[in-house]
PDB file of N, CA and C in Angstrom:
ATOM      1  N   MET A   1    -107.190  33.452 -12.387  1.00  0.00           N
ATOM      2  CA  MET A   1    -106.959  32.207 -13.092  1.00  0.00           C
ATOM      3  C   MET A   1    -106.104  32.483 -14.329  1.00  0.00           C
ATOM      4  N   ASN A   2    -105.041  31.716 -14.519  1.00  0.00           N
ATOM      5  CA  ASN A   2    -104.144  31.882 -15.659  1.00  0.00           C
ATOM      6  C   ASN A   2    -104.712  31.135 -16.867  1.00  0.00           C
ATOM      7  N   THR A   3    -105.004  31.853 -17.932  1.00  0.00           N
ATOM      8  CA  THR A   3    -105.510  31.198 -19.136  1.00  0.00           C
ATOM      9  C   THR A   3    -104.357  30.924 -20.070  1.00  0.00           C
ATOM     10  N   ARG A   4    -104.308  29.733 -20.611  1.00  0.00           N
ATOM     11  CA  ARG A   4    -103.265  29.329 -21.552  1.00  0.00           C
ATOM     12  C   ARG A   4    -103.803  29.444 -22.961  1.00  0.00           C
ATOM     13  N   LYS A   5    -102.934  29.882 -23.859  1.00  0.00           N
ATOM     14  CA  LYS A   5    -103.342  29.945 -25.258  1.00  0.00           C
ATOM     15  C   LYS A   5    -102.108  29.845 -26.154  1.00  0.00           C
ATOM     16  N   LEU A   6    -102.370  29.518 -27.407  1.00  0.00           N
ATOM     17  CA  LEU A   6    -101.351  29.480 -28.446  1.00  0.00           C
ATOM     18  C   LEU A   6    -101.802  30.445 -29.526  1.00  0.00           C
ATOM     19  N   SER A   7    -100.952  31.421 -29.841  1.00  0.00           N
ATOM     20  CA  SER A   7    -101.344  32.446 -30.805  1.00  0.00           C
ATOM     21  C   SER A   7    -100.186  32.764 -31.748  1.00  0.00           C
ATOM     22  N   THR A   8    -100.499  33.523 -32.803  1.00  0.00           N
ATOM     23  CA  THR A   8     -99.485  33.922 -33.777  1.00  0.00           C
ATOM     24  C   THR A   8     -99.797  35.311 -34.305  1.00  0.00           C
ATOM     25  N   HIS A   9     -98.813  35.871 -34.983  1.00  0.00           N
ATOM     26  CA  HIS A   9     -98.947  37.148 -35.664  1.00  0.00           C
ATOM     27  C   HIS A   9     -98.049  37.056 -36.888  1.00  0.00           C
ATOM     28  N   VAL A  10     -98.576  37.339 -38.063  1.00  0.00           N
ATOM     29  CA  VAL A  10     -97.803  37.223 -39.300  1.00  0.00           C
ATOM     30  C   VAL A  10     -97.630  38.617 -39.897  1.00  0.00           C
ATOM     31  N   LEU A  11     -96.368  38.965 -40.156  1.00  0.00           N
ATOM     32  CA  LEU A  11     -96.035  40.245 -40.754  1.00  0.00           C
ATOM     33  C   LEU A  11     -95.325  40.004 -42.076  1.00  0.00           C
ATOM     34  N   ASN A  12     -95.804  40.639 -43.127  1.00  0.00           N
ATOM     35  CA  ASN A  12     -95.152  40.564 -44.434  1.00  0.00           C
ATOM     36  C   ASN A  12     -94.030  41.602 -44.423  1.00  0.00           C
ATOM     37  N   THR A  13     -92.795  41.145 -44.285  1.00  0.00           N
ATOM     38  CA  THR A  13     -91.675  42.083 -44.165  1.00  0.00           C
ATOM     39  C   THR A  13     -91.331  42.763 -45.484  1.00  0.00           C
ATOM     40  N   SER A  14     -91.813  42.224 -46.607  1.00  0.00           N
ATOM     41  CA  SER A  14     -91.541  42.874 -47.894  1.00  0.00           C
ATOM     42  C   SER A  14     -92.408  44.115 -48.097  1.00  0.00           C
ATOM     43  N   THR A  15     -93.527  44.187 -47.379  1.00  0.00           N
ATOM     44  CA  THR A  15     -94.407  45.359 -47.470  1.00  0.00           C
ATOM     45  C   THR A  15     -94.470  46.132 -46.154  1.00  0.00           C
ATOM     46  N   GLY A  16     -94.025  45.496 -45.065  1.00  0.00           N
ATOM     47  CA  GLY A  16     -94.112  46.131 -43.753  1.00  0.00           C
ATOM     48  C   GLY A  16     -95.513  46.156 -43.199  1.00  0.00           C
ATOM     49  N   LYS A  17     -96.376  45.272 -43.713  1.00  0.00           N
ATOM     50  CA  LYS A  17     -97.775  45.252 -43.298  1.00  0.00           C
ATOM     51  C   LYS A  17     -98.160  43.882 -42.749  1.00  0.00           C
ATOM     52  N   ALA A  18     -99.237  43.876 -41.995  1.00  0.00           N
ATOM     53  CA  ALA A  18     -99.775  42.623 -41.469  1.00  0.00           C
ATOM     54  C   ALA A  18    -100.222  41.736 -42.619  1.00  0.00           C
ATOM     55  N   ALA A  19    -100.060  40.430 -42.445  1.00  0.00           N
ATOM     56  CA  ALA A  19    -100.456  39.457 -43.472  1.00  0.00           C
ATOM     57  C   ALA A  19    -101.821  38.875 -43.087  1.00  0.00           C
ATOM     58  N   ALA A  20    -102.863  39.417 -43.697  1.00  0.00           N
ATOM     59  CA  ALA A  20    -104.238  38.992 -43.404  1.00  0.00           C
ATOM     60  C   ALA A  20    -104.619  37.789 -44.261  1.00  0.00           C
ATOM     61  N   ASN A  21    -105.555  37.028 -43.762  1.00  0.00           N
ATOM     62  CA  ASN A  21    -106.183  35.913 -44.484  1.00  0.00           C
ATOM     63  C   ASN A  21    -105.224  34.764 -44.815  1.00  0.00           C
ATOM     64  N   ILE A  22    -104.259  34.526 -43.949  1.00  0.00           N
ATOM     65  CA  ILE A  22    -103.401  33.348 -44.113  1.00  0.00           C
ATOM     66  C   ILE A  22    -104.025  32.212 -43.324  1.00  0.00           C
ATOM     67  N   ARG A  23    -104.291  31.109 -44.012  1.00  0.00           N
ATOM     68  CA  ARG A  23    -104.855  29.923 -43.360  1.00  0.00           C
ATOM     69  C   ARG A  23    -103.743  29.206 -42.605  1.00  0.00           C
ATOM     70  N   ILE A  24    -104.050  28.793 -41.389  1.00  0.00           N
ATOM     71  CA  ILE A  24    -103.092  28.094 -40.539  1.00  0.00           C
ATOM     72  C   ILE A  24    -103.759  26.831 -40.006  1.00  0.00           C
ATOM     73  N   THR A  25    -103.059  25.710 -40.120  1.00  0.00           N
ATOM     74  CA  THR A  25    -103.544  24.466 -39.538  1.00  0.00           C
ATOM     75  C   THR A  25    -102.647  24.124 -38.359  1.00  0.00           C
ATOM     76  N   THR A  26    -103.261  23.826 -37.228  1.00  0.00           N
ATOM     77  CA  THR A  26    -102.527  23.468 -36.014  1.00  0.00           C
ATOM     78  C   THR A  26    -102.666  21.976 -35.776  1.00  0.00           C
ATOM     79  N   TYR A  27    -101.532  21.327 -35.517  1.00  0.00           N
ATOM     80  CA  TYR A  27    -101.483  19.890 -35.241  1.00  0.00           C
ATOM     81  C   TYR A  27    -100.845  19.663 -33.876  1.00  0.00           C
ATOM     82  N   ARG A  28    -101.199  18.544 -33.241  1.00  0.00           N
ATOM     83  CA  ARG A  28    -100.570  18.138 -31.988  1.00  0.00           C
ATOM     84  C   ARG A  28     -99.933  16.777 -32.206  1.00  0.00           C
ATOM     85  N   LEU A  29     -98.720  16.579 -31.687  1.00  0.00           N
ATOM     86  CA  LEU A  29     -98.042  15.298 -31.796  1.00  0.00           C
ATOM     87  C   LEU A  29     -98.609  14.353 -30.739  1.00  0.00           C
ATOM     88  N   GLU A  30     -99.207  13.272 -31.208  1.00  0.00           N
ATOM     89  CA  GLU A  30     -99.822  12.294 -30.307  1.00  0.00           C
ATOM     90  C   GLU A  30     -98.774  11.326 -29.755  1.00  0.00           C
ATOM     91  N   GLU A  31     -99.140  10.553 -28.740  1.00  0.00           N
ATOM     92  CA  GLU A  31     -98.231   9.553 -28.167  1.00  0.00           C
ATOM     93  C   GLU A  31     -97.794   8.534 -29.211  1.00  0.00           C
ATOM     94  N   SER A  32     -98.619   8.318 -30.220  1.00  0.00           N
ATOM     95  CA  SER A  32     -98.302   7.383 -31.308  1.00  0.00           C
ATOM     96  C   SER A  32     -97.267   7.970 -32.276  1.00  0.00           C
ATOM     97  N   GLN A  33     -96.818   9.202 -32.009  1.00  0.00           N
ATOM     98  CA  GLN A  33     -95.869   9.942 -32.853  1.00  0.00           C
ATOM     99  C   GLN A  33     -96.473  10.333 -34.210  1.00  0.00           C
ATOM    100  N   GLU A  34     -97.791  10.430 -34.260  1.00  0.00           N
ATOM    101  CA  GLU A  34     -98.482  10.908 -35.464  1.00  0.00           C
ATOM    102  C   GLU A  34     -99.104  12.266 -35.162  1.00  0.00           C
ATOM    103  N   TRP A  35     -99.166  13.105 -36.193  1.00  0.00           N
ATOM    104  CA  TRP A  35     -99.739  14.436 -36.038  1.00  0.00           C
ATOM    105  C   TRP A  35    -101.254  14.375 -36.147  1.00  0.00           C
ATOM    106  N   LYS A  36    -101.941  14.997 -35.199  1.00  0.00           N
ATOM    107  CA  LYS A  36    -103.400  15.086 -35.216  1.00  0.00           C
ATOM    108  C   LYS A  36    -103.787  16.536 -35.505  1.00  0.00           C
ATOM    109  N   ALA A  37    -104.511  16.756 -36.596  1.00  0.00           N
ATOM    110  CA  ALA A  37    -104.988  18.102 -36.922  1.00  0.00           C
ATOM    111  C   ALA A  37    -106.031  18.519 -35.897  1.00  0.00           C
ATOM    112  N   LEU A  38    -105.876  19.705 -35.336  1.00  0.00           N
ATOM    113  CA  LEU A  38    -106.802  20.173 -34.310  1.00  0.00           C
ATOM    114  C   LEU A  38    -107.871  21.090 -34.882  1.00  0.00           C
ATOM    115  N   ARG A  39    -107.454  22.132 -35.543  1.00  0.00           N
ATOM    116  CA  ARG A  39    -108.438  23.016 -36.160  1.00  0.00           C
ATOM    117  C   ARG A  39    -107.746  24.016 -37.061  1.00  0.00           C
ATOM    118  N   PRO A  40    -108.407  24.379 -38.145  1.00  0.00           N
ATOM    119  CA  PRO A  40    -107.846  25.424 -39.008  1.00  0.00           C
ATOM    120  C   PRO A  40    -108.191  26.798 -38.445  1.00  0.00           C
ATOM    121  N   SER A  41    -107.347  27.755 -38.732  1.00  0.00           N
ATOM    122  CA  SER A  41    -107.562  29.141 -38.319  1.00  0.00           C
ATOM    123  C   SER A  41    -107.156  30.043 -39.471  1.00  0.00           C
ATOM    124  N   GLU A  42    -107.363  31.342 -39.289  1.00  0.00           N
ATOM    125  CA  GLU A  42    -106.965  32.299 -40.319  1.00  0.00           C
ATOM    126  C   GLU A  42    -106.604  33.616 -39.658  1.00  0.00           C
ATOM    127  N   THR A  43    -105.544  34.244 -40.160  1.00  0.00           N
ATOM    128  CA  THR A  43    -105.146  35.534 -39.593  1.00  0.00           C
ATOM    129  C   THR A  43    -106.198  36.593 -39.917  1.00  0.00           C
ATOM    130  N   ASN A  44    -106.372  37.511 -38.977  1.00  0.00           N
ATOM    131  CA  ASN A  44    -107.335  38.591 -39.173  1.00  0.00           C
ATOM    132  C   ASN A  44    -106.672  39.749 -39.931  1.00  0.00           C
ATOM    133  N   ALA A  45    -107.356  40.857 -40.038  1.00  0.00           N
ATOM    134  CA  ALA A  45    -106.850  42.010 -40.800  1.00  0.00           C
ATOM    135  C   ALA A  45    -105.539  42.543 -40.232  1.00  0.00           C
ATOM    136  N   ASP A  46    -105.296  42.300 -38.944  1.00  0.00           N
ATOM    137  CA  ASP A  46    -104.061  42.737 -38.294  1.00  0.00           C
ATOM    138  C   ASP A  46    -102.984  41.648 -38.324  1.00  0.00           C
ATOM    139  N   GLY A  47    -103.243  40.547 -39.054  1.00  0.00           N
ATOM    140  CA  GLY A  47    -102.291  39.446 -39.154  1.00  0.00           C
ATOM    141  C   GLY A  47    -102.226  38.565 -37.917  1.00  0.00           C
ATOM    142  N   ARG A  48    -103.163  38.731 -37.010  1.00  0.00           N
ATOM    143  CA  ARG A  48    -103.142  37.996 -35.743  1.00  0.00           C
ATOM    144  C   ARG A  48    -104.143  36.848 -35.762  1.00  0.00           C
ATOM    145  N   CYS A  49    -103.840  35.838 -34.942  1.00  0.00           N
ATOM    146  CA  CYS A  49    -104.729  34.690 -34.863  1.00  0.00           C
ATOM    147  C   CYS A  49    -104.497  33.940 -33.563  1.00  0.00           C
ATOM    148  N   GLN A  50    -105.579  33.668 -32.846  1.00  0.00           N
ATOM    149  CA  GLN A  50    -105.488  32.769 -31.696  1.00  0.00           C
ATOM    150  C   GLN A  50    -105.717  31.361 -32.220  1.00  0.00           C
ATOM    151  N   LEU A  51    -104.706  30.522 -32.121  1.00  0.00           N
ATOM    152  CA  LEU A  51    -104.770  29.173 -32.676  1.00  0.00           C
ATOM    153  C   LEU A  51    -105.503  28.213 -31.759  1.00  0.00           C
ATOM    154  N   LEU A  52    -105.187  28.260 -30.475  1.00  0.00           N
ATOM    155  CA  LEU A  52    -105.835  27.393 -29.489  1.00  0.00           C
ATOM    156  C   LEU A  52    -106.073  28.176 -28.217  1.00  0.00           C
ATOM    157  N   ASP A  53    -107.221  27.950 -27.594  1.00  0.00           N
ATOM    158  CA  ASP A  53    -107.475  28.563 -26.293  1.00  0.00           C
ATOM    159  C   ASP A  53    -107.322  27.499 -25.213  1.00  0.00           C
ATOM    160  N   GLN A  54    -107.554  27.871 -23.993  1.00  0.00           N
ATOM    161  CA  GLN A  54    -107.302  26.977 -22.858  1.00  0.00           C
ATOM    162  C   GLN A  54    -108.034  25.638 -22.980  1.00  0.00           C
ATOM    163  N   ALA A  55    -109.238  25.642 -23.504  1.00  0.00           N
ATOM    164  CA  ALA A  55    -110.019  24.402 -23.606  1.00  0.00           C
ATOM    165  C   ALA A  55    -109.367  23.384 -24.549  1.00  0.00           C
ATOM    166  N   ASP A  56    -108.645  23.865 -25.566  1.00  0.00           N
ATOM    167  CA  ASP A  56    -108.055  22.983 -26.578  1.00  0.00           C
ATOM    168  C   ASP A  56    -106.542  22.822 -26.439  1.00  0.00           C
ATOM    169  N   PHE A  57    -105.942  23.532 -25.504  1.00  0.00           N
ATOM    170  CA  PHE A  57    -104.482  23.625 -25.441  1.00  0.00           C
ATOM    171  C   PHE A  57    -103.944  22.913 -24.207  1.00  0.00           C
ATOM    172  N   SER A  58    -103.098  21.927 -24.428  1.00  0.00           N
ATOM    173  CA  SER A  58    -102.437  21.227 -23.330  1.00  0.00           C
ATOM    174  C   SER A  58    -100.951  21.127 -23.639  1.00  0.00           C
ATOM    175  N   LYS A  59    -100.165  20.752 -22.649  1.00  0.00           N
ATOM    176  CA  LYS A  59     -98.727  20.607 -22.856  1.00  0.00           C
ATOM    177  C   LYS A  59     -98.462  19.645 -24.005  1.00  0.00           C
ATOM    178  N   GLY A  60     -97.416  19.937 -24.798  1.00  0.00           N
ATOM    179  CA  GLY A  60     -97.076  19.024 -25.867  1.00  0.00           C
ATOM    180  C   GLY A  60     -96.291  19.680 -26.986  1.00  0.00           C
ATOM    181  N   ILE A  61     -96.109  18.918 -28.050  1.00  0.00           N
ATOM    182  CA  ILE A  61     -95.419  19.377 -29.250  1.00  0.00           C
ATOM    183  C   ILE A  61     -96.486  19.705 -30.293  1.00  0.00           C
ATOM    184  N   TYR A  62     -96.362  20.879 -30.900  1.00  0.00           N
ATOM    185  CA  TYR A  62     -97.337  21.339 -31.883  1.00  0.00           C
ATOM    186  C   TYR A  62     -96.641  21.679 -33.198  1.00  0.00           C
ATOM    187  N   LYS A  63     -97.364  21.485 -34.287  1.00  0.00           N
ATOM    188  CA  LYS A  63     -96.895  21.892 -35.611  1.00  0.00           C
ATOM    189  C   LYS A  63     -97.885  22.907 -36.155  1.00  0.00           C
ATOM    190  N   LEU A  64     -97.365  24.036 -36.602  1.00  0.00           N
ATOM    191  CA  LEU A  64     -98.185  25.086 -37.193  1.00  0.00           C
ATOM    192  C   LEU A  64     -97.848  25.135 -38.675  1.00  0.00           C
ATOM    193  N   THR A  65     -98.843  24.934 -39.514  1.00  0.00           N
ATOM    194  CA  THR A  65     -98.644  25.021 -40.962  1.00  0.00           C
ATOM    195  C   THR A  65     -99.312  26.288 -41.466  1.00  0.00           C
ATOM    196  N   PHE A  66     -98.488  27.215 -41.915  1.00  0.00           N
ATOM    197  CA  PHE A  66     -98.955  28.475 -42.477  1.00  0.00           C
ATOM    198  C   PHE A  66     -99.048  28.281 -43.988  1.00  0.00           C
ATOM    199  N   HIS A  67    -100.230  28.358 -44.546  1.00  0.00           N
ATOM    200  CA  HIS A  67    -100.459  28.134 -45.978  1.00  0.00           C
ATOM    201  C   HIS A  67    -100.246  29.464 -46.704  1.00  0.00           C
ATOM    202  N   VAL A  68     -98.965  29.815 -46.890  1.00  0.00           N
ATOM    203  CA  VAL A  68     -98.612  31.136 -47.414  1.00  0.00           C
ATOM    204  C   VAL A  68     -98.660  31.221 -48.938  1.00  0.00           C
ATOM    205  N   GLY A  69     -98.636  30.101 -49.623  1.00  0.00           N
ATOM    206  CA  GLY A  69     -98.700  30.110 -51.081  1.00  0.00           C
ATOM    207  C   GLY A  69     -99.955  30.786 -51.585  1.00  0.00           C
ATOM    208  N   ALA A  70    -101.075  30.465 -50.990  1.00  0.00           N
ATOM    209  CA  ALA A  70    -102.354  31.067 -51.389  1.00  0.00           C
ATOM    210  C   ALA A  70    -102.372  32.566 -51.077  1.00  0.00           C
ATOM    211  N   TYR A  71    -101.756  32.952 -49.962  1.00  0.00           N
ATOM    212  CA  TYR A  71    -101.669  34.375 -49.588  1.00  0.00           C
ATOM    213  C   TYR A  71    -100.934  35.161 -50.672  1.00  0.00           C
ATOM    214  N   PHE A  72     -99.771  34.666 -51.087  1.00  0.00           N
ATOM    215  CA  PHE A  72     -99.005  35.367 -52.119  1.00  0.00           C
ATOM    216  C   PHE A  72     -99.694  35.289 -53.483  1.00  0.00           C
ATOM    217  N   ALA A  73    -100.291  34.150 -53.816  1.00  0.00           N
ATOM    218  CA  ALA A  73    -100.994  34.006 -55.101  1.00  0.00           C
ATOM    219  C   ALA A  73    -102.131  35.014 -55.222  1.00  0.00           C
ATOM    220  N   ALA A  74    -102.830  35.271 -54.117  1.00  0.00           N
ATOM    221  CA  ALA A  74    -103.931  36.239 -54.138  1.00  0.00           C
ATOM    222  C   ALA A  74    -103.441  37.642 -54.464  1.00  0.00           C
ATOM    223  N   GLN A  75    -102.149  37.896 -54.229  1.00  0.00           N
ATOM    224  CA  GLN A  75    -101.554  39.201 -54.535  1.00  0.00           C
ATOM    225  C   GLN A  75    -100.754  39.164 -55.838  1.00  0.00           C
ATOM    226  N   ASN A  76    -100.857  38.028 -56.534  1.00  0.00           N
ATOM    227  CA  ASN A  76    -100.120  37.831 -57.787  1.00  0.00           C
ATOM    228  C   ASN A  76     -98.603  37.981 -57.583  1.00  0.00           C
ATOM    229  N   ILE A  77     -98.122  37.401 -56.472  1.00  0.00           N
ATOM    230  CA  ILE A  77     -96.699  37.433 -56.132  1.00  0.00           C
ATOM    231  C   ILE A  77     -96.186  36.005 -56.094  1.00  0.00           C
ATOM    232  N   LYS A  78     -95.099  35.751 -56.788  1.00  0.00           N
ATOM    233  CA  LYS A  78     -94.474  34.435 -56.791  1.00  0.00           C
ATOM    234  C   LYS A  78     -93.718  34.243 -55.476  1.00  0.00           C
ATOM    235  N   THR A  79     -93.789  33.016 -54.932  1.00  0.00           N
ATOM    236  CA  THR A  79     -93.096  32.710 -53.688  1.00  0.00           C
ATOM    237  C   THR A  79     -92.380  31.368 -53.794  1.00  0.00           C
ATOM    238  N   PHE A  80     -91.334  31.232 -53.050  1.00  0.00           N
ATOM    239  CA  PHE A  80     -90.583  29.985 -52.976  1.00  0.00           C
ATOM    240  C   PHE A  80     -91.242  28.996 -52.013  1.00  0.00           C
ATOM    241  N   TYR A  81     -92.051  29.514 -51.097  1.00  0.00           N
ATOM    242  CA  TYR A  81     -92.650  28.698 -50.036  1.00  0.00           C
ATOM    243  C   TYR A  81     -94.164  28.561 -50.199  1.00  0.00           C
ATOM    244  N   PRO A  82     -94.655  27.386 -50.603  1.00  0.00           N
ATOM    245  CA  PRO A  82     -96.106  27.203 -50.628  1.00  0.00           C
ATOM    246  C   PRO A  82     -96.681  27.099 -49.214  1.00  0.00           C
ATOM    247  N   ALA A  83     -95.842  26.662 -48.280  1.00  0.00           N
ATOM    248  CA  ALA A  83     -96.252  26.562 -46.877  1.00  0.00           C
ATOM    249  C   ALA A  83     -95.026  26.704 -45.998  1.00  0.00           C
ATOM    250  N   VAL A  84     -95.244  27.181 -44.779  1.00  0.00           N
ATOM    251  CA  VAL A  84     -94.198  27.249 -43.765  1.00  0.00           C
ATOM    252  C   VAL A  84     -94.673  26.408 -42.596  1.00  0.00           C
ATOM    253  N   GLU A  85     -93.866  25.433 -42.193  1.00  0.00           N
ATOM    254  CA  GLU A  85     -94.209  24.588 -41.053  1.00  0.00           C
ATOM    255  C   GLU A  85     -93.250  24.864 -39.908  1.00  0.00           C
ATOM    256  N   LEU A  86     -93.816  25.119 -38.739  1.00  0.00           N
ATOM    257  CA  LEU A  86     -93.039  25.352 -37.534  1.00  0.00           C
ATOM    258  C   LEU A  86     -93.438  24.311 -36.499  1.00  0.00           C
ATOM    259  N   ILE A  87     -92.456  23.697 -35.881  1.00  0.00           N
ATOM    260  CA  ILE A  87     -92.723  22.735 -34.818  1.00  0.00           C
ATOM    261  C   ILE A  87     -92.220  23.354 -33.524  1.00  0.00           C
ATOM    262  N   VAL A  88     -93.110  23.437 -32.536  1.00  0.00           N
ATOM    263  CA  VAL A  88     -92.790  24.116 -31.283  1.00  0.00           C
ATOM    264  C   VAL A  88     -93.094  23.216 -30.082  1.00  0.00           C
ATOM    265  N   ASP A  89     -92.280  23.364 -29.069  1.00  0.00           N
ATOM    266  CA  ASP A  89     -92.417  22.599 -27.832  1.00  0.00           C
ATOM    267  C   ASP A  89     -93.126  23.461 -26.797  1.00  0.00           C
ATOM    268  N   CYS A  90     -94.366  23.148 -26.530  1.00  0.00           N
ATOM    269  CA  CYS A  90     -95.181  23.899 -25.566  1.00  0.00           C
ATOM    270  C   CYS A  90     -95.366  23.042 -24.315  1.00  0.00           C
ATOM    271  N   SER A  91     -94.271  22.754 -23.635  1.00  0.00           N
ATOM    272  CA  SER A  91     -94.314  21.786 -22.529  1.00  0.00           C
ATOM    273  C   SER A  91     -94.469  22.415 -21.157  1.00  0.00           C
ATOM    274  N   GLU A  92     -94.633  23.726 -21.092  1.00  0.00           N
ATOM    275  CA  GLU A  92     -94.824  24.381 -19.810  1.00  0.00           C
ATOM    276  C   GLU A  92     -96.205  25.018 -19.740  1.00  0.00           C
ATOM    277  N   GLU A  93     -96.680  25.212 -18.523  1.00  0.00           N
ATOM    278  CA  GLU A  93     -97.997  25.812 -18.290  1.00  0.00           C
ATOM    279  C   GLU A  93     -97.915  27.319 -18.473  1.00  0.00           C
ATOM    280  N   GLN A  94     -98.003  27.780 -19.710  1.00  0.00           N
ATOM    281  CA  GLN A  94     -97.966  29.210 -19.986  1.00  0.00           C
ATOM    282  C   GLN A  94     -98.526  29.492 -21.371  1.00  0.00           C
ATOM    283  N   ASN A  95     -98.629  30.769 -21.699  1.00  0.00           N
ATOM    284  CA  ASN A  95     -99.057  31.173 -23.034  1.00  0.00           C
ATOM    285  C   ASN A  95     -97.880  31.057 -23.987  1.00  0.00           C
ATOM    286  N   TYR A  96     -98.183  30.767 -25.249  1.00  0.00           N
ATOM    287  CA  TYR A  96     -97.165  30.705 -26.294  1.00  0.00           C
ATOM    288  C   TYR A  96     -97.631  31.563 -27.456  1.00  0.00           C
ATOM    289  N   HIS A  97     -96.744  32.457 -27.894  1.00  0.00           N
ATOM    290  CA  HIS A  97     -97.026  33.318 -29.033  1.00  0.00           C
ATOM    291  C   HIS A  97     -95.890  33.110 -30.032  1.00  0.00           C
ATOM    292  N   VAL A  98     -96.238  32.745 -31.277  1.00  0.00           N
ATOM    293  CA  VAL A  98     -95.244  32.387 -32.294  1.00  0.00           C
ATOM    294  C   VAL A  98     -95.417  33.301 -33.505  1.00  0.00           C
ATOM    295  N   PRO A  99     -94.718  34.437 -33.534  1.00  0.00           N
ATOM    296  CA  PRO A  99     -94.798  35.327 -34.687  1.00  0.00           C
ATOM    297  C   PRO A  99     -94.046  34.750 -35.893  1.00  0.00           C
ATOM    298  N   LEU A 100     -94.521  35.109 -37.082  1.00  0.00           N
ATOM    299  CA  LEU A 100     -93.874  34.722 -38.328  1.00  0.00           C
ATOM    300  C   LEU A 100     -93.629  35.992 -39.140  1.00  0.00           C
ATOM    301  N   LEU A 101     -92.359  36.255 -39.445  1.00  0.00           N
ATOM    302  CA  LEU A 101     -91.977  37.361 -40.312  1.00  0.00           C
ATOM    303  C   LEU A 101     -91.764  36.758 -41.692  1.00  0.00           C
ATOM    304  N   LEU A 102     -92.503  37.225 -42.668  1.00  0.00           N
ATOM    305  CA  LEU A 102     -92.620  36.536 -43.946  1.00  0.00           C
ATOM    306  C   LEU A 102     -92.304  37.440 -45.123  1.00  0.00           C
ATOM    307  N   SER A 103     -91.623  36.883 -46.130  1.00  0.00           N
ATOM    308  CA  SER A 103     -91.451  37.532 -47.422  1.00  0.00           C
ATOM    309  C   SER A 103     -91.535  36.431 -48.482  1.00  0.00           C
ATOM    310  N   PRO A 104     -91.627  36.761 -49.748  1.00  0.00           N
ATOM    311  CA  PRO A 104     -91.789  35.720 -50.766  1.00  0.00           C
ATOM    312  C   PRO A 104     -90.640  34.707 -50.820  1.00  0.00           C
ATOM    313  N   TYR A 105     -89.439  35.112 -50.402  1.00  0.00           N
ATOM    314  CA  TYR A 105     -88.287  34.213 -50.513  1.00  0.00           C
ATOM    315  C   TYR A 105     -87.554  34.007 -49.193  1.00  0.00           C
ATOM    316  N   GLY A 106     -88.225  34.250 -48.087  1.00  0.00           N
ATOM    317  CA  GLY A 106     -87.609  34.015 -46.794  1.00  0.00           C
ATOM    318  C   GLY A 106     -88.617  34.187 -45.667  1.00  0.00           C
ATOM    319  N   TYR A 107     -88.257  33.661 -44.515  1.00  0.00           N
ATOM    320  CA  TYR A 107     -89.082  33.872 -43.318  1.00  0.00           C
ATOM    321  C   TYR A 107     -88.223  33.720 -42.077  1.00  0.00           C
ATOM    322  N   SER A 108     -88.740  34.227 -40.987  1.00  0.00           N
ATOM    323  CA  SER A 108     -88.085  34.131 -39.693  1.00  0.00           C
ATOM    324  C   SER A 108     -89.179  34.016 -38.642  1.00  0.00           C
ATOM    325  N   THR A 109     -88.830  33.410 -37.533  1.00  0.00           N
ATOM    326  CA  THR A 109     -89.794  33.269 -36.448  1.00  0.00           C
ATOM    327  C   THR A 109     -89.061  33.333 -35.122  1.00  0.00           C
ATOM    328  N   TYR A 110     -89.815  33.530 -34.058  1.00  0.00           N
ATOM    329  CA  TYR A 110     -89.237  33.580 -32.724  1.00  0.00           C
ATOM    330  C   TYR A 110     -90.330  33.335 -31.712  1.00  0.00           C
ATOM    331  N   ARG A 111     -89.953  33.132 -30.483  1.00  0.00           N
ATOM    332  CA  ARG A 111     -90.930  32.981 -29.417  1.00  0.00           C
ATOM    333  C   ARG A 111     -91.256  34.363 -28.884  1.00  0.00           C
ATOM    334  N   GLY A 112     -92.491  34.763 -29.071  1.00  0.00           N
ATOM    335  CA  GLY A 112     -92.923  36.087 -28.614  1.00  0.00           C
ATOM    336  C   GLY A 112     -93.579  36.010 -27.251  1.00  0.00           C
ATOM    337  N   THR A 113     -94.158  37.134 -26.839  1.00  0.00           N
ATOM    338  CA  THR A 113     -94.833  37.188 -25.538  1.00  0.00           C
ATOM    339  C   THR A 113     -96.294  37.521 -25.719  1.00  0.00           C
TER     340      THR A 113
END
């Protein structure tokens, strides 16, 4: 049986280390074109987080809000981004992994495996 999930991995590229304890809120775009918050999550010590598992994950458009301001504030580091929002199209029956490469003044993302 193929299990579907939505996951992420956050790496702090300024230190070359995993970004632990970043709060992430996952939203789904409803037919009404409004965002519905599904559940908050948090990256583990390895910077990884399973956002949705098969029971909660269906085809659709999702918004991931990474609350990175608090992450940098906890390290006494100033950042330009209080949050990073990514909108992704998960319209096929498969797993989706969305890594975030993060620094105080920039970020990058891609579709991972």
